[in-house]
């Protein structure tokens, strides 16, 4: 389970180990159910988010089944999701 999803509705998953650019990895729920696989467009360090689907500019980004922020620009599936492309809902 290299990528953990908290909810089936999530746009992002958490890398449970470092992911190398170009690597295809499985995305699983905590139950171990594999929901999809995704090819990393860039390196995703342990503990960081990876996009599981394309997210349009200005759209809500979903994690834990809830909105955690807004995309600062288009986010392509397999991209690292971090402060450079995600405006947090908390700040």
N, C-alpha and C. Protein backbone atom coordinates (compact mmCIF):
# COMPACT_ATOMS: atom_id res chain seq x y z
N UNK A 1 0.84 -1.18 0.00
CA UNK A 1 0.00 0.00 0.00
C UNK A 1 0.88 1.24 0.00
N UNK A 2 1.49 1.58 -1.10
CA UNK A 2 2.33 2.79 -1.16
C UNK A 2 1.56 4.10 -1.04
N UNK A 3 0.25 4.13 -1.36
CA UNK A 3 -0.55 5.34 -1.20
C UNK A 3 -1.81 4.98 -0.42
N UNK A 4 -2.07 5.76 0.62
CA UNK A 4 -3.22 5.54 1.49
C UNK A 4 -4.29 6.57 1.19
N UNK A 5 -5.50 6.08 0.99
CA UNK A 5 -6.67 6.95 0.82
C UNK A 5 -7.52 6.80 2.08
N UNK A 6 -8.11 7.90 2.53
CA UNK A 6 -8.95 7.85 3.72
C UNK A 6 -10.41 7.60 3.36
N UNK A 7 -10.82 7.96 2.16
CA UNK A 7 -12.22 7.87 1.75
C UNK A 7 -12.26 7.67 0.24
N UNK A 8 -13.25 6.96 -0.24
CA UNK A 8 -13.36 6.70 -1.69
C UNK A 8 -13.55 7.97 -2.51
N UNK A 9 -14.01 9.06 -1.88
CA UNK A 9 -14.23 10.33 -2.58
C UNK A 9 -12.96 11.18 -2.69
N UNK A 10 -11.87 10.76 -2.05
CA UNK A 10 -10.66 11.58 -1.98
C UNK A 10 -10.04 11.86 -3.35
N UNK A 11 -9.58 13.10 -3.52
CA UNK A 11 -8.83 13.51 -4.70
C UNK A 11 -7.34 13.25 -4.52
N UNK A 12 -6.91 13.12 -3.27
CA UNK A 12 -5.50 12.92 -2.95
C UNK A 12 -5.33 11.72 -2.03
N UNK A 13 -4.13 11.14 -2.09
CA UNK A 13 -3.74 10.08 -1.18
C UNK A 13 -2.42 10.46 -0.55
N UNK A 14 -2.04 9.74 0.50
CA UNK A 14 -0.80 10.00 1.22
C UNK A 14 0.22 8.92 0.88
N UNK A 15 1.41 9.35 0.51
CA UNK A 15 2.50 8.40 0.22
C UNK A 15 2.98 7.80 1.54
N UNK A 16 2.95 6.48 1.64
CA UNK A 16 3.43 5.81 2.86
C UNK A 16 4.89 5.38 2.72
N UNK A 17 5.48 5.73 1.61
CA UNK A 17 6.92 5.61 1.37
C UNK A 17 7.26 6.59 0.25
N UNK A 18 8.53 6.87 0.06
CA UNK A 18 8.92 7.75 -1.04
C UNK A 18 8.49 7.12 -2.36
N UNK A 19 7.96 7.94 -3.26
CA UNK A 19 7.55 7.47 -4.58
C UNK A 19 8.41 8.18 -5.62
N UNK A 20 9.04 7.42 -6.48
CA UNK A 20 9.90 7.95 -7.53
C UNK A 20 9.05 8.36 -8.72
N UNK A 21 9.42 9.44 -9.38
CA UNK A 21 8.73 9.88 -10.59
C UNK A 21 8.68 8.74 -11.60
N UNK A 22 7.52 8.56 -12.23
CA UNK A 22 7.34 7.51 -13.23
C UNK A 22 6.87 6.18 -12.67
N UNK A 23 6.88 6.05 -11.36
CA UNK A 23 6.45 4.80 -10.72
C UNK A 23 4.93 4.72 -10.70
N UNK A 24 4.38 3.56 -11.03
CA UNK A 24 2.95 3.31 -10.88
C UNK A 24 2.75 2.61 -9.55
N UNK A 25 1.82 3.11 -8.75
CA UNK A 25 1.61 2.61 -7.41
C UNK A 25 0.13 2.40 -7.12
N UNK A 26 -0.17 1.48 -6.24
CA UNK A 26 -1.55 1.20 -5.85
C UNK A 26 -2.00 2.17 -4.77
N UNK A 27 -3.29 2.50 -4.79
CA UNK A 27 -3.90 3.38 -3.80
C UNK A 27 -4.96 2.57 -3.06
N UNK A 28 -4.81 2.48 -1.75
CA UNK A 28 -5.68 1.62 -0.94
C UNK A 28 -6.31 2.39 0.20
N UNK A 29 -7.47 1.90 0.61
CA UNK A 29 -8.10 2.39 1.83
C UNK A 29 -7.43 1.73 3.03
N UNK A 30 -7.71 2.20 4.24
CA UNK A 30 -7.16 1.60 5.45
C UNK A 30 -7.54 0.12 5.57
N UNK A 31 -8.64 -0.27 4.97
CA UNK A 31 -9.09 -1.66 5.00
C UNK A 31 -8.22 -2.57 4.14
N UNK A 32 -7.37 -1.95 3.31
CA UNK A 32 -6.53 -2.71 2.39
C UNK A 32 -7.14 -2.85 1.01
N UNK A 33 -8.40 -2.40 0.86
CA UNK A 33 -9.08 -2.46 -0.44
C UNK A 33 -8.36 -1.53 -1.43
N UNK A 34 -7.84 -2.10 -2.51
CA UNK A 34 -7.17 -1.32 -3.55
C UNK A 34 -8.24 -0.72 -4.45
N UNK A 35 -8.21 0.60 -4.58
CA UNK A 35 -9.23 1.29 -5.36
C UNK A 35 -8.76 1.70 -6.74
N UNK A 36 -7.47 1.98 -6.88
CA UNK A 36 -6.95 2.40 -8.17
C UNK A 36 -5.43 2.35 -8.12
N UNK A 37 -4.84 2.59 -9.27
CA UNK A 37 -3.39 2.79 -9.31
C UNK A 37 -3.15 4.13 -9.99
N UNK A 38 -2.00 4.70 -9.70
CA UNK A 38 -1.67 6.01 -10.23
C UNK A 38 -0.17 6.03 -10.56
N UNK A 39 0.16 6.72 -11.65
CA UNK A 39 1.56 6.87 -12.06
C UNK A 39 2.04 8.25 -11.61
N UNK A 40 3.08 8.29 -10.81
CA UNK A 40 3.60 9.54 -10.28
C UNK A 40 4.27 10.36 -11.39
N UNK A 41 3.85 11.59 -11.55
CA UNK A 41 4.44 12.50 -12.54
C UNK A 41 5.76 13.07 -12.05
N UNK A 42 5.93 13.07 -10.74
CA UNK A 42 7.13 13.62 -10.11
C UNK A 42 7.36 12.86 -8.82
N UNK A 43 8.49 13.08 -8.19
CA UNK A 43 8.78 12.43 -6.92
C UNK A 43 7.80 12.92 -5.86
N UNK A 44 7.30 11.99 -5.05
CA UNK A 44 6.40 12.33 -3.95
C UNK A 44 7.03 11.76 -2.67
N UNK A 45 7.51 12.63 -1.79
CA UNK A 45 8.15 12.15 -0.56
C UNK A 45 7.15 11.50 0.40
N UNK A 46 7.68 10.63 1.23
CA UNK A 46 6.89 9.99 2.30
C UNK A 46 6.08 11.05 3.05
N UNK A 47 4.80 10.75 3.27
CA UNK A 47 3.94 11.64 4.04
C UNK A 47 3.29 12.76 3.25
N UNK A 48 3.66 12.93 1.98
CA UNK A 48 3.08 13.99 1.16
C UNK A 48 1.91 13.46 0.34
N UNK A 49 1.15 14.38 -0.23
CA UNK A 49 -0.05 14.04 -0.99
C UNK A 49 0.28 13.87 -2.47
N UNK A 50 -0.44 12.94 -3.10
CA UNK A 50 -0.37 12.74 -4.54
C UNK A 50 -1.80 12.82 -5.09
N UNK A 51 -1.97 13.49 -6.23
CA UNK A 51 -3.29 13.62 -6.84
C UNK A 51 -3.72 12.28 -7.42
N UNK A 52 -4.92 11.85 -7.08
CA UNK A 52 -5.48 10.58 -7.56
C UNK A 52 -6.38 10.78 -8.77
N UNK A 53 -6.72 12.02 -9.04
CA UNK A 53 -7.51 12.38 -10.22
C UNK A 53 -7.18 13.81 -10.57
N UNK A 54 -7.52 14.22 -11.77
CA UNK A 54 -7.31 15.61 -12.16
C UNK A 54 -8.22 16.52 -11.34
N UNK A 55 -7.68 17.67 -10.93
CA UNK A 55 -8.45 18.66 -10.18
C UNK A 55 -8.33 19.99 -10.92
N UNK A 56 -9.45 20.59 -11.23
CA UNK A 56 -9.47 21.85 -11.98
C UNK A 56 -9.08 23.03 -11.09
N UNK A 57 -8.50 24.04 -11.72
CA UNK A 57 -8.14 25.28 -11.04
C UNK A 57 -9.35 25.82 -10.28
N UNK A 58 -9.16 26.16 -9.01
CA UNK A 58 -10.23 26.73 -8.20
C UNK A 58 -11.16 25.71 -7.58
N UNK A 59 -11.00 24.44 -7.90
CA UNK A 59 -11.88 23.40 -7.35
C UNK A 59 -11.43 23.00 -5.96
N UNK A 60 -12.38 22.51 -5.18
CA UNK A 60 -12.07 21.97 -3.86
C UNK A 60 -11.23 20.71 -4.03
N UNK A 61 -10.27 20.52 -3.13
CA UNK A 61 -9.47 19.30 -3.08
C UNK A 61 -9.98 18.49 -1.89
N UNK A 62 -10.34 17.23 -2.15
CA UNK A 62 -10.98 16.39 -1.15
C UNK A 62 -9.99 15.40 -0.55
N UNK A 63 -9.94 15.36 0.79
CA UNK A 63 -9.20 14.35 1.55
C UNK A 63 -10.04 14.07 2.79
N UNK A 64 -10.01 12.86 3.28
CA UNK A 64 -10.87 12.44 4.41
C UNK A 64 -12.34 12.57 4.04
N UNK A 65 -12.65 12.62 2.73
CA UNK A 65 -14.03 12.80 2.29
C UNK A 65 -14.52 14.23 2.42
N UNK A 66 -13.64 15.17 2.78
CA UNK A 66 -13.99 16.57 3.02
C UNK A 66 -13.05 17.49 2.25
N UNK A 67 -13.49 18.71 2.00
CA UNK A 67 -12.63 19.69 1.35
C UNK A 67 -11.52 20.15 2.29
N UNK A 68 -10.28 20.06 1.83
CA UNK A 68 -9.14 20.51 2.65
C UNK A 68 -8.54 21.79 2.12
N UNK A 69 -8.97 22.21 0.94
CA UNK A 69 -8.43 23.41 0.33
C UNK A 69 -8.90 23.55 -1.10
N UNK A 70 -8.26 24.48 -1.80
CA UNK A 70 -8.63 24.80 -3.17
C UNK A 70 -7.39 24.71 -4.05
N UNK A 71 -7.56 24.16 -5.24
CA UNK A 71 -6.45 24.07 -6.19
C UNK A 71 -6.07 25.46 -6.67
N UNK A 72 -4.77 25.81 -6.60
CA UNK A 72 -4.26 27.11 -7.05
C UNK A 72 -4.12 27.17 -8.57
N UNK A 73 -4.23 26.03 -9.21
CA UNK A 73 -4.12 25.89 -10.65
C UNK A 73 -4.56 24.47 -10.96
N UNK A 74 -4.57 24.08 -12.21
CA UNK A 74 -4.94 22.70 -12.51
C UNK A 74 -3.91 21.74 -11.90
N UNK A 75 -4.40 20.66 -11.31
CA UNK A 75 -3.54 19.63 -10.73
C UNK A 75 -3.80 18.34 -11.50
N UNK A 76 -2.77 17.81 -12.13
CA UNK A 76 -2.91 16.59 -12.93
C UNK A 76 -2.75 15.36 -12.04
N UNK A 77 -3.47 14.31 -12.38
CA UNK A 77 -3.34 13.04 -11.67
C UNK A 77 -1.86 12.65 -11.62
N UNK A 78 -1.41 12.18 -10.46
CA UNK A 78 -0.03 11.76 -10.29
C UNK A 78 0.91 12.85 -9.83
N UNK A 79 0.39 14.08 -9.69
CA UNK A 79 1.23 15.21 -9.27
C UNK A 79 1.33 15.28 -7.75
N UNK A 80 2.45 15.81 -7.28
CA UNK A 80 2.62 16.14 -5.87
C UNK A 80 1.64 17.26 -5.54
N UNK A 81 0.91 17.13 -4.44
CA UNK A 81 -0.02 18.16 -4.00
C UNK A 81 0.54 18.72 -2.69
N UNK A 82 0.87 20.01 -2.73
CA UNK A 82 1.50 20.65 -1.57
C UNK A 82 1.21 22.15 -1.65
N UNK A 83 1.90 22.95 -0.89
CA UNK A 83 1.60 24.38 -0.81
C UNK A 83 1.75 25.13 -2.15
N UNK A 84 2.50 24.58 -3.09
CA UNK A 84 2.68 25.25 -4.38
C UNK A 84 1.43 25.17 -5.26
N UNK A 85 0.54 24.21 -5.00
CA UNK A 85 -0.65 24.07 -5.84
C UNK A 85 -1.95 23.88 -5.05
N UNK A 86 -1.86 24.02 -3.72
CA UNK A 86 -3.04 23.85 -2.86
C UNK A 86 -3.12 25.01 -1.87
N UNK A 87 -4.24 25.72 -1.87
CA UNK A 87 -4.49 26.77 -0.90
C UNK A 87 -5.32 26.12 0.22
N UNK A 88 -4.75 26.05 1.40
CA UNK A 88 -5.39 25.38 2.52
C UNK A 88 -6.68 26.04 2.94
N UNK A 89 -7.65 25.25 3.33
CA UNK A 89 -8.91 25.77 3.86
C UNK A 89 -8.75 26.23 5.31
N UNK A 90 -7.65 25.84 5.94
CA UNK A 90 -7.44 26.15 7.35
C UNK A 90 -6.87 27.53 7.58
N UNK A 91 -6.23 28.14 6.61
CA UNK A 91 -5.53 29.41 6.86
C UNK A 91 -6.27 30.56 6.27
